[in-house]
Amino acid sequence: MHIPDDPGYYEKFYFSPGDLGFKSVKTKFGKIGPLICWDQWFPEAARLTALKGAQIIFYPTAIGWHPKEKNKYGKSQLDSWITMQKSHAIANGTYVAAINRVGTESKGKKKIEFWGNSMLIDPSGKVIAKAGNKKQDILVCEVDYQKIDTSRQHWPFLRDRRTEYYRDILKNPEDE
């Protein structure tokens, strides 16, 4: 749905934003909410996907550091990414599977080092499985869907929304 415009990877010139809305797909493993890469930074995308019934929100992504910025911003950027994934799980009472590349990609003089750290987070924000950042890995773990009901009962964020006061979310600050 959301397309980034990052130096060296001007994706808005190659891709169009999605226009089919947010989905939940019923599979034999549960209801899966697919969101891709840049979508992971938008709480509205996670919320709408959860409201469509997703039990696990999947974020396949390719995110990392520009090598020249890693020393200064690297830890902060990675910590922000992890915090966002945890917050999506907590705020929506869902599991979040954040899947990220590892390795380095070069495009002329431009390089990006993908930070890996793929993880599965439960509805309380606990990381229940996490990969490293140096080599490809496969995470396999069990998901207890009862934790979704328990989380939503104890932290009823979806129930207690005050949607009648959310109209302003439709406004773009750049238009004001």
N, C-alpha and C. Protein backbone atom coordinates (compact mmCIF):
# COMPACT_ATOMS: atom_id res chain seq x y z
N MET A 1 0.82 -1.20 0.00
CA MET A 1 0.00 0.00 0.00
C MET A 1 0.86 1.26 0.00
N HIS A 2 1.94 1.25 0.78
CA HIS A 2 2.79 2.42 0.91
C HIS A 2 4.11 2.17 0.17
N ILE A 3 4.55 3.16 -0.56
CA ILE A 3 5.78 3.03 -1.35
C ILE A 3 6.80 4.06 -0.85
N PRO A 4 8.01 3.61 -0.47
CA PRO A 4 9.02 4.56 0.00
C PRO A 4 9.71 5.27 -1.16
N ASP A 5 10.41 6.31 -0.81
CA ASP A 5 11.20 7.06 -1.78
C ASP A 5 12.54 7.34 -1.10
N ASP A 6 13.41 6.35 -1.15
CA ASP A 6 14.67 6.38 -0.41
C ASP A 6 15.82 6.61 -1.39
N PRO A 7 16.77 7.48 -1.05
CA PRO A 7 17.89 7.72 -1.96
C PRO A 7 18.56 6.42 -2.42
N GLY A 8 18.69 6.31 -3.72
CA GLY A 8 19.30 5.11 -4.29
C GLY A 8 18.29 4.02 -4.62
N TYR A 9 17.10 4.13 -4.05
CA TYR A 9 16.06 3.11 -4.25
C TYR A 9 14.73 3.84 -4.42
N TYR A 10 14.62 4.60 -5.47
CA TYR A 10 13.44 5.44 -5.70
C TYR A 10 12.28 4.58 -6.17
N GLU A 11 11.68 3.86 -5.24
CA GLU A 11 10.65 2.88 -5.58
C GLU A 11 9.38 3.49 -6.15
N LYS A 12 9.11 4.75 -5.83
CA LYS A 12 7.90 5.39 -6.36
C LYS A 12 7.96 5.54 -7.88
N PHE A 13 9.16 5.43 -8.46
CA PHE A 13 9.30 5.50 -9.90
C PHE A 13 9.07 4.14 -10.57
N TYR A 14 9.05 3.07 -9.76
CA TYR A 14 8.93 1.72 -10.31
C TYR A 14 7.64 1.01 -9.91
N PHE A 15 7.05 1.44 -8.81
CA PHE A 15 5.86 0.77 -8.30
C PHE A 15 4.76 1.78 -8.05
N SER A 16 3.53 1.32 -8.14
CA SER A 16 2.38 2.14 -7.78
C SER A 16 1.87 1.66 -6.43
N PRO A 17 1.34 2.56 -5.62
CA PRO A 17 0.79 2.12 -4.34
C PRO A 17 -0.42 1.22 -4.56
N GLY A 18 -0.64 0.34 -3.62
CA GLY A 18 -1.79 -0.56 -3.71
C GLY A 18 -3.09 0.20 -3.60
N ASP A 19 -4.15 -0.39 -4.16
CA ASP A 19 -5.45 0.27 -4.10
C ASP A 19 -6.58 -0.73 -3.81
N LEU A 20 -6.22 -1.90 -3.29
CA LEU A 20 -7.23 -2.92 -3.01
C LEU A 20 -7.61 -3.00 -1.54
N GLY A 21 -7.09 -2.10 -0.73
CA GLY A 21 -7.41 -2.12 0.69
C GLY A 21 -6.56 -3.14 1.44
N PHE A 22 -6.85 -3.29 2.70
CA PHE A 22 -6.11 -4.20 3.56
C PHE A 22 -6.88 -5.50 3.67
N LYS A 23 -6.16 -6.60 3.72
CA LYS A 23 -6.77 -7.93 3.61
C LYS A 23 -6.38 -8.84 4.76
N SER A 24 -7.23 -9.84 4.97
CA SER A 24 -6.93 -10.97 5.82
C SER A 24 -7.28 -12.20 5.01
N VAL A 25 -6.33 -13.09 4.86
CA VAL A 25 -6.51 -14.27 4.01
C VAL A 25 -6.59 -15.50 4.90
N LYS A 26 -7.68 -16.24 4.78
CA LYS A 26 -7.86 -17.45 5.57
C LYS A 26 -7.03 -18.58 4.95
N THR A 27 -6.15 -19.17 5.75
CA THR A 27 -5.34 -20.31 5.32
C THR A 27 -5.53 -21.44 6.32
N LYS A 28 -4.97 -22.60 6.03
CA LYS A 28 -5.06 -23.71 6.97
C LYS A 28 -4.26 -23.45 8.24
N PHE A 29 -3.42 -22.42 8.21
CA PHE A 29 -2.59 -22.07 9.37
C PHE A 29 -3.18 -20.92 10.18
N GLY A 30 -4.26 -20.35 9.72
CA GLY A 30 -4.88 -19.22 10.40
C GLY A 30 -5.14 -18.10 9.42
N LYS A 31 -5.61 -16.98 9.94
CA LYS A 31 -5.90 -15.81 9.11
C LYS A 31 -4.66 -14.93 9.05
N ILE A 32 -4.14 -14.78 7.84
CA ILE A 32 -2.89 -14.08 7.61
C ILE A 32 -3.16 -12.71 7.01
N GLY A 33 -2.51 -11.68 7.56
CA GLY A 33 -2.63 -10.33 7.03
C GLY A 33 -1.33 -9.92 6.37
N PRO A 34 -1.26 -9.96 5.04
CA PRO A 34 -0.01 -9.60 4.36
C PRO A 34 0.12 -8.08 4.17
N LEU A 35 1.18 -7.55 4.69
CA LEU A 35 1.57 -6.16 4.45
C LEU A 35 3.03 -6.22 4.02
N ILE A 36 3.47 -5.26 3.24
CA ILE A 36 4.81 -5.38 2.66
C ILE A 36 5.67 -4.18 3.00
N CYS A 37 6.86 -4.45 3.46
CA CYS A 37 7.96 -3.51 3.63
C CYS A 37 7.56 -2.18 4.26
N TRP A 38 7.40 -1.13 3.49
CA TRP A 38 7.17 0.21 4.01
C TRP A 38 5.87 0.30 4.82
N ASP A 39 4.92 -0.61 4.56
CA ASP A 39 3.67 -0.64 5.33
C ASP A 39 3.92 -0.81 6.82
N GLN A 40 5.07 -1.38 7.18
CA GLN A 40 5.35 -1.70 8.58
C GLN A 40 5.48 -0.46 9.46
N TRP A 41 5.58 0.70 8.88
CA TRP A 41 5.74 1.93 9.66
C TRP A 41 4.40 2.64 9.90
N PHE A 42 3.32 2.13 9.36
CA PHE A 42 2.03 2.81 9.43
C PHE A 42 1.08 2.05 10.35
N PRO A 43 0.77 2.61 11.52
CA PRO A 43 -0.12 1.91 12.46
C PRO A 43 -1.51 1.69 11.88
N GLU A 44 -1.94 2.56 10.98
CA GLU A 44 -3.26 2.40 10.37
C GLU A 44 -3.34 1.11 9.56
N ALA A 45 -2.26 0.77 8.87
CA ALA A 45 -2.24 -0.44 8.05
C ALA A 45 -2.39 -1.68 8.93
N ALA A 46 -1.65 -1.72 10.04
CA ALA A 46 -1.76 -2.86 10.95
C ALA A 46 -3.16 -2.92 11.57
N ARG A 47 -3.69 -1.79 11.98
CA ARG A 47 -5.01 -1.76 12.61
C ARG A 47 -6.09 -2.25 11.65
N LEU A 48 -6.09 -1.74 10.44
CA LEU A 48 -7.11 -2.15 9.47
C LEU A 48 -6.97 -3.62 9.10
N THR A 49 -5.75 -4.11 9.04
CA THR A 49 -5.54 -5.53 8.74
C THR A 49 -6.04 -6.39 9.89
N ALA A 50 -5.79 -5.98 11.11
CA ALA A 50 -6.30 -6.70 12.29
C ALA A 50 -7.83 -6.67 12.30
N LEU A 51 -8.42 -5.54 11.97
CA LEU A 51 -9.88 -5.44 11.94
C LEU A 51 -10.50 -6.32 10.86
N LYS A 52 -9.71 -6.66 9.86
CA LYS A 52 -10.18 -7.59 8.81
C LYS A 52 -10.07 -9.04 9.29
N GLY A 53 -9.57 -9.26 10.51
CA GLY A 53 -9.52 -10.61 11.08
C GLY A 53 -8.16 -11.26 11.12
N ALA A 54 -7.11 -10.56 10.72
CA ALA A 54 -5.77 -11.18 10.70
C ALA A 54 -5.36 -11.61 12.11
N GLN A 55 -4.88 -12.84 12.20
CA GLN A 55 -4.32 -13.35 13.45
C GLN A 55 -2.80 -13.17 13.47
N ILE A 56 -2.21 -13.19 12.28
CA ILE A 56 -0.77 -12.93 12.13
C ILE A 56 -0.62 -11.91 11.02
N ILE A 57 0.06 -10.82 11.33
CA ILE A 57 0.39 -9.83 10.30
C ILE A 57 1.81 -10.16 9.84
N PHE A 58 1.96 -10.38 8.54
CA PHE A 58 3.26 -10.68 7.94
C PHE A 58 3.80 -9.45 7.25
N TYR A 59 5.05 -9.10 7.56
CA TYR A 59 5.74 -7.98 6.93
C TYR A 59 7.01 -8.47 6.25
N PRO A 60 6.94 -9.05 5.06
CA PRO A 60 8.20 -9.32 4.35
C PRO A 60 8.81 -7.98 3.94
N THR A 61 10.10 -7.83 4.18
CA THR A 61 10.72 -6.52 3.95
C THR A 61 12.19 -6.64 3.61
N ALA A 62 12.71 -5.56 3.13
CA ALA A 62 14.14 -5.44 2.86
C ALA A 62 14.54 -4.07 3.39
N ILE A 63 14.99 -4.05 4.63
CA ILE A 63 15.34 -2.78 5.27
C ILE A 63 16.71 -2.90 5.91
N GLY A 64 17.45 -1.83 5.87
CA GLY A 64 18.78 -1.87 6.43
C GLY A 64 19.41 -0.50 6.50
N TRP A 65 20.72 -0.51 6.59
CA TRP A 65 21.48 0.72 6.76
C TRP A 65 22.23 1.07 5.49
N HIS A 66 22.39 2.35 5.29
CA HIS A 66 23.40 2.80 4.34
C HIS A 66 24.71 2.76 5.13
N PRO A 67 25.74 2.09 4.65
CA PRO A 67 26.97 1.90 5.44
C PRO A 67 27.54 3.17 6.05
N LYS A 68 27.43 4.29 5.35
CA LYS A 68 27.98 5.54 5.89
C LYS A 68 27.20 6.04 7.11
N GLU A 69 25.95 5.59 7.26
CA GLU A 69 25.10 6.06 8.35
C GLU A 69 25.03 5.07 9.51
N LYS A 70 25.52 3.86 9.30
CA LYS A 70 25.32 2.80 10.29
C LYS A 70 25.87 3.15 11.67
N ASN A 71 27.10 3.65 11.75
CA ASN A 71 27.69 3.96 13.06
C ASN A 71 26.88 4.99 13.83
N LYS A 72 26.38 6.00 13.12
CA LYS A 72 25.66 7.09 13.78
C LYS A 72 24.21 6.72 14.08
N TYR A 73 23.53 6.08 13.14
CA TYR A 73 22.09 5.86 13.27
C TYR A 73 21.68 4.40 13.39
N GLY A 74 22.59 3.48 13.15
CA GLY A 74 22.24 2.07 13.04
C GLY A 74 21.46 1.51 14.20
N LYS A 75 21.96 1.63 15.41
CA LYS A 75 21.29 1.06 16.57
C LYS A 75 19.92 1.69 16.76
N SER A 76 19.84 2.98 16.63
CA SER A 76 18.57 3.69 16.79
C SER A 76 17.54 3.25 15.76
N GLN A 77 17.98 3.11 14.49
CA GLN A 77 17.06 2.69 13.44
C GLN A 77 16.56 1.27 13.67
N LEU A 78 17.44 0.36 14.02
CA LEU A 78 17.03 -1.02 14.27
C LEU A 78 16.11 -1.08 15.49
N ASP A 79 16.44 -0.38 16.55
CA ASP A 79 15.58 -0.35 17.74
C ASP A 79 14.20 0.21 17.41
N SER A 80 14.15 1.22 16.58
CA SER A 80 12.85 1.80 16.17
C SER A 80 12.03 0.78 15.40
N TRP A 81 12.67 0.04 14.51
CA TRP A 81 11.98 -0.98 13.72
C TRP A 81 11.41 -2.07 14.64
N ILE A 82 12.20 -2.54 15.56
CA ILE A 82 11.74 -3.58 16.49
C ILE A 82 10.59 -3.05 17.34
N THR A 83 10.71 -1.83 17.82
CA THR A 83 9.64 -1.22 18.62
C THR A 83 8.34 -1.13 17.84
N MET A 84 8.43 -0.72 16.58
CA MET A 84 7.21 -0.64 15.76
C MET A 84 6.54 -1.99 15.60
N GLN A 85 7.32 -3.04 15.37
CA GLN A 85 6.73 -4.36 15.19
C GLN A 85 6.04 -4.82 16.48
N LYS A 86 6.70 -4.58 17.61
CA LYS A 86 6.10 -4.94 18.90
C LYS A 86 4.82 -4.14 19.14
N SER A 87 4.86 -2.87 18.79
CA SER A 87 3.68 -2.04 19.03
C SER A 87 2.50 -2.48 18.18
N HIS A 88 2.75 -2.91 16.94
CA HIS A 88 1.65 -3.42 16.11
C HIS A 88 1.01 -4.64 16.77
N ALA A 89 1.84 -5.54 17.29
CA ALA A 89 1.32 -6.74 17.95
C ALA A 89 0.49 -6.36 19.17
N ILE A 90 1.01 -5.49 20.02
CA ILE A 90 0.31 -5.11 21.24
C ILE A 90 -0.98 -4.35 20.94
N ALA A 91 -0.89 -3.31 20.12
CA ALA A 91 -2.04 -2.44 19.86
C ALA A 91 -3.20 -3.18 19.18
N ASN A 92 -2.88 -4.26 18.46
CA ASN A 92 -3.91 -4.97 17.70
C ASN A 92 -4.20 -6.36 18.22
N GLY A 93 -3.47 -6.79 19.23
CA GLY A 93 -3.70 -8.12 19.78
C GLY A 93 -3.50 -9.21 18.76
N THR A 94 -2.44 -9.08 17.96
CA THR A 94 -2.15 -10.06 16.92
C THR A 94 -0.69 -10.51 17.05
N TYR A 95 -0.39 -11.57 16.35
CA TYR A 95 1.01 -11.93 16.16
C TYR A 95 1.54 -11.08 15.01
N VAL A 96 2.82 -10.80 15.05
CA VAL A 96 3.49 -10.08 13.96
C VAL A 96 4.72 -10.88 13.56
N ALA A 97 4.80 -11.20 12.28
CA ALA A 97 5.98 -11.86 11.71
C ALA A 97 6.69 -10.82 10.86
N ALA A 98 7.80 -10.32 11.36
CA ALA A 98 8.60 -9.33 10.65
C ALA A 98 9.78 -10.06 10.02
N ILE A 99 9.76 -10.14 8.70
CA ILE A 99 10.77 -10.91 7.97
C ILE A 99 11.65 -9.93 7.21
N ASN A 100 12.96 -10.03 7.40
CA ASN A 100 13.88 -9.08 6.77
C ASN A 100 15.09 -9.79 6.18
N ARG A 101 15.61 -9.21 5.13
CA ARG A 101 16.80 -9.73 4.45
C ARG A 101 18.04 -9.59 5.31
N VAL A 102 19.05 -10.34 4.93
CA VAL A 102 20.40 -10.17 5.47
C VAL A 102 21.34 -9.97 4.28
N GLY A 103 22.54 -9.51 4.56
CA GLY A 103 23.54 -9.34 3.49
C GLY A 103 23.61 -7.91 3.02
N THR A 104 24.41 -7.70 1.99
CA THR A 104 24.63 -6.37 1.43
C THR A 104 24.29 -6.39 -0.04
N GLU A 105 23.68 -5.33 -0.49
CA GLU A 105 23.35 -5.17 -1.91
C GLU A 105 24.04 -3.91 -2.41
N SER A 106 24.70 -4.03 -3.55
CA SER A 106 25.37 -2.88 -4.15
C SER A 106 24.69 -2.53 -5.46
N LYS A 107 24.54 -1.25 -5.66
CA LYS A 107 23.95 -0.73 -6.90
C LYS A 107 24.81 0.46 -7.31
N GLY A 108 25.83 0.19 -8.10
CA GLY A 108 26.79 1.24 -8.43
C GLY A 108 27.58 1.59 -7.17
N LYS A 109 27.61 2.86 -6.83
CA LYS A 109 28.31 3.30 -5.62
C LYS A 109 27.40 3.20 -4.39
N LYS A 110 26.13 2.95 -4.60
CA LYS A 110 25.18 2.85 -3.49
C LYS A 110 25.21 1.45 -2.91
N LYS A 111 25.19 1.37 -1.58
CA LYS A 111 25.15 0.10 -0.89
C LYS A 111 24.12 0.17 0.22
N ILE A 112 23.55 -0.98 0.51
CA ILE A 112 22.69 -1.09 1.68
C ILE A 112 23.01 -2.41 2.36
N GLU A 113 23.14 -2.37 3.65
CA GLU A 113 23.38 -3.56 4.46
C GLU A 113 22.08 -3.89 5.19
N PHE A 114 21.47 -4.98 4.82
CA PHE A 114 20.20 -5.37 5.43
C PHE A 114 20.46 -5.89 6.84
N TRP A 115 19.61 -5.50 7.77
CA TRP A 115 19.91 -5.78 9.17
C TRP A 115 19.28 -7.06 9.71
N GLY A 116 18.61 -7.85 8.87
CA GLY A 116 18.10 -9.13 9.35
C GLY A 116 17.18 -8.95 10.53
N ASN A 117 17.41 -9.75 11.59
CA ASN A 117 16.62 -9.69 12.81
C ASN A 117 15.16 -10.06 12.59
N SER A 118 14.88 -10.94 11.63
CA SER A 118 13.51 -11.41 11.45
C SER A 118 13.02 -11.97 12.77
N MET A 119 11.71 -11.79 13.02
CA MET A 119 11.20 -12.22 14.32
C MET A 119 9.70 -12.48 14.27
N LEU A 120 9.26 -13.27 15.24
CA LEU A 120 7.83 -13.48 15.48
C LEU A 120 7.53 -12.93 16.86
N ILE A 121 6.50 -12.09 16.93
CA ILE A 121 6.13 -11.41 18.16
C ILE A 121 4.72 -11.82 18.52
N ASP A 122 4.49 -12.12 19.81
CA ASP A 122 3.15 -12.52 20.22
C ASP A 122 2.29 -11.28 20.54
N PRO A 123 0.99 -11.46 20.79
CA PRO A 123 0.09 -10.32 21.01
C PRO A 123 0.42 -9.45 22.22
N SER A 124 1.28 -9.92 23.11
CA SER A 124 1.68 -9.10 24.25
C SER A 124 2.98 -8.35 23.98
N GLY A 125 3.54 -8.51 22.79
CA GLY A 125 4.77 -7.82 22.42
C GLY A 125 6.04 -8.60 22.71
N LYS A 126 5.89 -9.84 23.15
CA LYS A 126 7.06 -10.67 23.44
C LYS A 126 7.61 -11.29 22.15
N VAL A 127 8.91 -11.15 21.95
CA VAL A 127 9.55 -11.79 20.80
C VAL A 127 9.70 -13.27 21.15
N ILE A 128 9.01 -14.13 20.39
CA ILE A 128 9.05 -15.56 20.72
C ILE A 128 10.03 -16.34 19.84
N ALA A 129 10.49 -15.71 18.77
CA ALA A 129 11.53 -16.31 17.93
C ALA A 129 12.21 -15.18 17.18
N LYS A 130 13.54 -15.26 17.06
CA LYS A 130 14.28 -14.20 16.38
C LYS A 130 15.49 -14.78 15.67
N ALA A 131 15.69 -14.35 14.44
CA ALA A 131 16.87 -14.75 13.66
C ALA A 131 17.98 -13.72 13.88
N GLY A 132 19.14 -14.05 13.40
CA GLY A 132 20.28 -13.16 13.52
C GLY A 132 20.34 -12.15 12.39
N ASN A 133 21.52 -11.57 12.21
CA ASN A 133 21.68 -10.55 11.18
C ASN A 133 22.82 -10.84 10.22
N LYS A 134 23.43 -12.01 10.30
CA LYS A 134 24.59 -12.32 9.46
C LYS A 134 24.30 -13.31 8.35
N LYS A 135 23.39 -14.26 8.60
CA LYS A 135 23.13 -15.30 7.60
C LYS A 135 21.64 -15.57 7.51
N GLN A 136 21.24 -16.15 6.39
CA GLN A 136 19.84 -16.53 6.23
C GLN A 136 19.48 -17.57 7.27
N ASP A 137 18.23 -17.52 7.69
CA ASP A 137 17.78 -18.44 8.73
C ASP A 137 16.30 -18.72 8.50
N ILE A 138 15.82 -19.78 9.09
CA ILE A 138 14.40 -20.13 9.05
C ILE A 138 13.92 -20.24 10.49
N LEU A 139 12.88 -19.51 10.80
CA LEU A 139 12.29 -19.59 12.13
C LEU A 139 11.07 -20.49 12.08
N VAL A 140 11.01 -21.44 12.98
CA VAL A 140 9.86 -22.33 13.09
C VAL A 140 9.43 -22.32 14.54
N CYS A 141 8.17 -21.98 14.78
CA CYS A 141 7.67 -22.01 16.15
C CYS A 141 6.16 -22.18 16.13
N GLU A 142 5.64 -22.59 17.26
CA GLU A 142 4.20 -22.77 17.38
C GLU A 142 3.55 -21.45 17.76
N VAL A 143 2.34 -21.27 17.26
CA VAL A 143 1.55 -20.09 17.55
C VAL A 143 0.32 -20.54 18.32
N ASP A 144 0.08 -19.93 19.46
CA ASP A 144 -1.10 -20.23 20.28
C ASP A 144 -2.13 -19.14 20.04
N TYR A 145 -3.13 -19.43 19.21
CA TYR A 145 -4.12 -18.41 18.87
C TYR A 145 -4.96 -17.99 20.06
N GLN A 146 -5.00 -18.79 21.11
CA GLN A 146 -5.71 -18.40 22.33
C GLN A 146 -5.11 -17.12 22.93
N LYS A 147 -3.82 -16.90 22.70
CA LYS A 147 -3.18 -15.68 23.22
C LYS A 147 -3.80 -14.41 22.64
N ILE A 148 -4.35 -14.51 21.43
CA ILE A 148 -5.01 -13.35 20.82
C ILE A 148 -6.24 -13.00 21.65
N ASP A 149 -7.08 -13.99 21.94
CA ASP A 149 -8.28 -13.74 22.73
C ASP A 149 -7.93 -13.23 24.12
N THR A 150 -6.93 -13.84 24.75
CA THR A 150 -6.51 -13.43 26.08
C THR A 150 -6.01 -11.99 26.07
N SER A 151 -5.18 -11.66 25.09
CA SER A 151 -4.64 -10.31 24.98
C SER A 151 -5.75 -9.30 24.77
N ARG A 152 -6.67 -9.60 23.88
CA ARG A 152 -7.74 -8.65 23.58
C ARG A 152 -8.72 -8.51 24.75
N GLN A 153 -8.80 -9.52 25.58
CA GLN A 153 -9.64 -9.42 26.78
C GLN A 153 -8.98 -8.53 27.84
N HIS A 154 -7.68 -8.69 28.02
CA HIS A 154 -6.98 -7.93 29.05
C HIS A 154 -6.56 -6.53 28.59
N TRP A 155 -6.27 -6.40 27.32
CA TRP A 155 -5.94 -5.10 26.73
C TRP A 155 -6.91 -4.86 25.57
N PRO A 156 -8.11 -4.40 25.86
CA PRO A 156 -9.16 -4.32 24.83
C PRO A 156 -9.06 -3.06 23.95
N PHE A 157 -7.92 -2.89 23.32
CA PHE A 157 -7.70 -1.70 22.51
C PHE A 157 -8.65 -1.64 21.31
N LEU A 158 -8.96 -2.77 20.70
CA LEU A 158 -9.88 -2.75 19.56
C LEU A 158 -11.29 -2.42 20.03
N ARG A 159 -11.70 -2.97 21.15
CA ARG A 159 -13.04 -2.74 21.69
C ARG A 159 -13.25 -1.29 22.11
N ASP A 160 -12.25 -0.69 22.71
CA ASP A 160 -12.41 0.63 23.33
C ASP A 160 -12.08 1.81 22.41
N ARG A 161 -11.96 1.54 21.14
CA ARG A 161 -11.69 2.63 20.20
C ARG A 161 -12.87 3.61 20.21
N ARG A 162 -12.58 4.88 19.98
CA ARG A 162 -13.60 5.93 19.91
C ARG A 162 -13.66 6.44 18.47
N THR A 163 -14.11 5.59 17.58
CA THR A 163 -14.05 5.88 16.15
C THR A 163 -14.81 7.14 15.75
N GLU A 164 -15.79 7.52 16.53
CA GLU A 164 -16.55 8.73 16.19
C GLU A 164 -15.67 9.99 16.24
N TYR A 165 -14.51 9.89 16.88
CA TYR A 165 -13.61 11.03 16.99
C TYR A 165 -12.37 10.91 16.11
N TYR A 166 -12.35 9.94 15.23
CA TYR A 166 -11.16 9.68 14.41
C TYR A 166 -11.22 10.32 13.02
N ARG A 167 -12.22 11.10 12.72
CA ARG A 167 -12.35 11.67 11.38
C ARG A 167 -11.10 12.43 10.93
N ASP A 168 -10.46 13.10 11.87
CA ASP A 168 -9.29 13.91 11.50
C ASP A 168 -8.13 13.07 10.97
N ILE A 169 -8.16 11.77 11.21
CA ILE A 169 -7.09 10.92 10.69
C ILE A 169 -7.11 10.89 9.16
N LEU A 170 -8.23 11.25 8.57
CA LEU A 170 -8.35 11.26 7.12
C LEU A 170 -7.72 12.51 6.49
N LYS A 171 -7.36 13.48 7.33
CA LYS A 171 -6.74 14.69 6.82
C LYS A 171 -5.23 14.51 6.68
N ASN A 172 -4.70 15.07 5.63
CA ASN A 172 -3.25 15.05 5.40
C ASN A 172 -2.68 16.37 5.93
N PRO A 173 -1.73 16.33 6.87
CA PRO A 173 -1.18 17.57 7.42
C PRO A 173 -0.60 18.50 6.36
N GLU A 174 -0.15 17.94 5.25
CA GLU A 174 0.40 18.77 4.17
C GLU A 174 -0.67 19.60 3.47
N ASP A 175 -1.96 19.18 3.63
CA ASP A 175 -3.05 19.92 2.99
C ASP A 175 -3.53 21.10 3.82
N GLU A 176 -3.08 21.19 5.04
CA GLU A 176 -3.54 22.27 5.93
C GLU A 176 -2.64 23.48 5.86
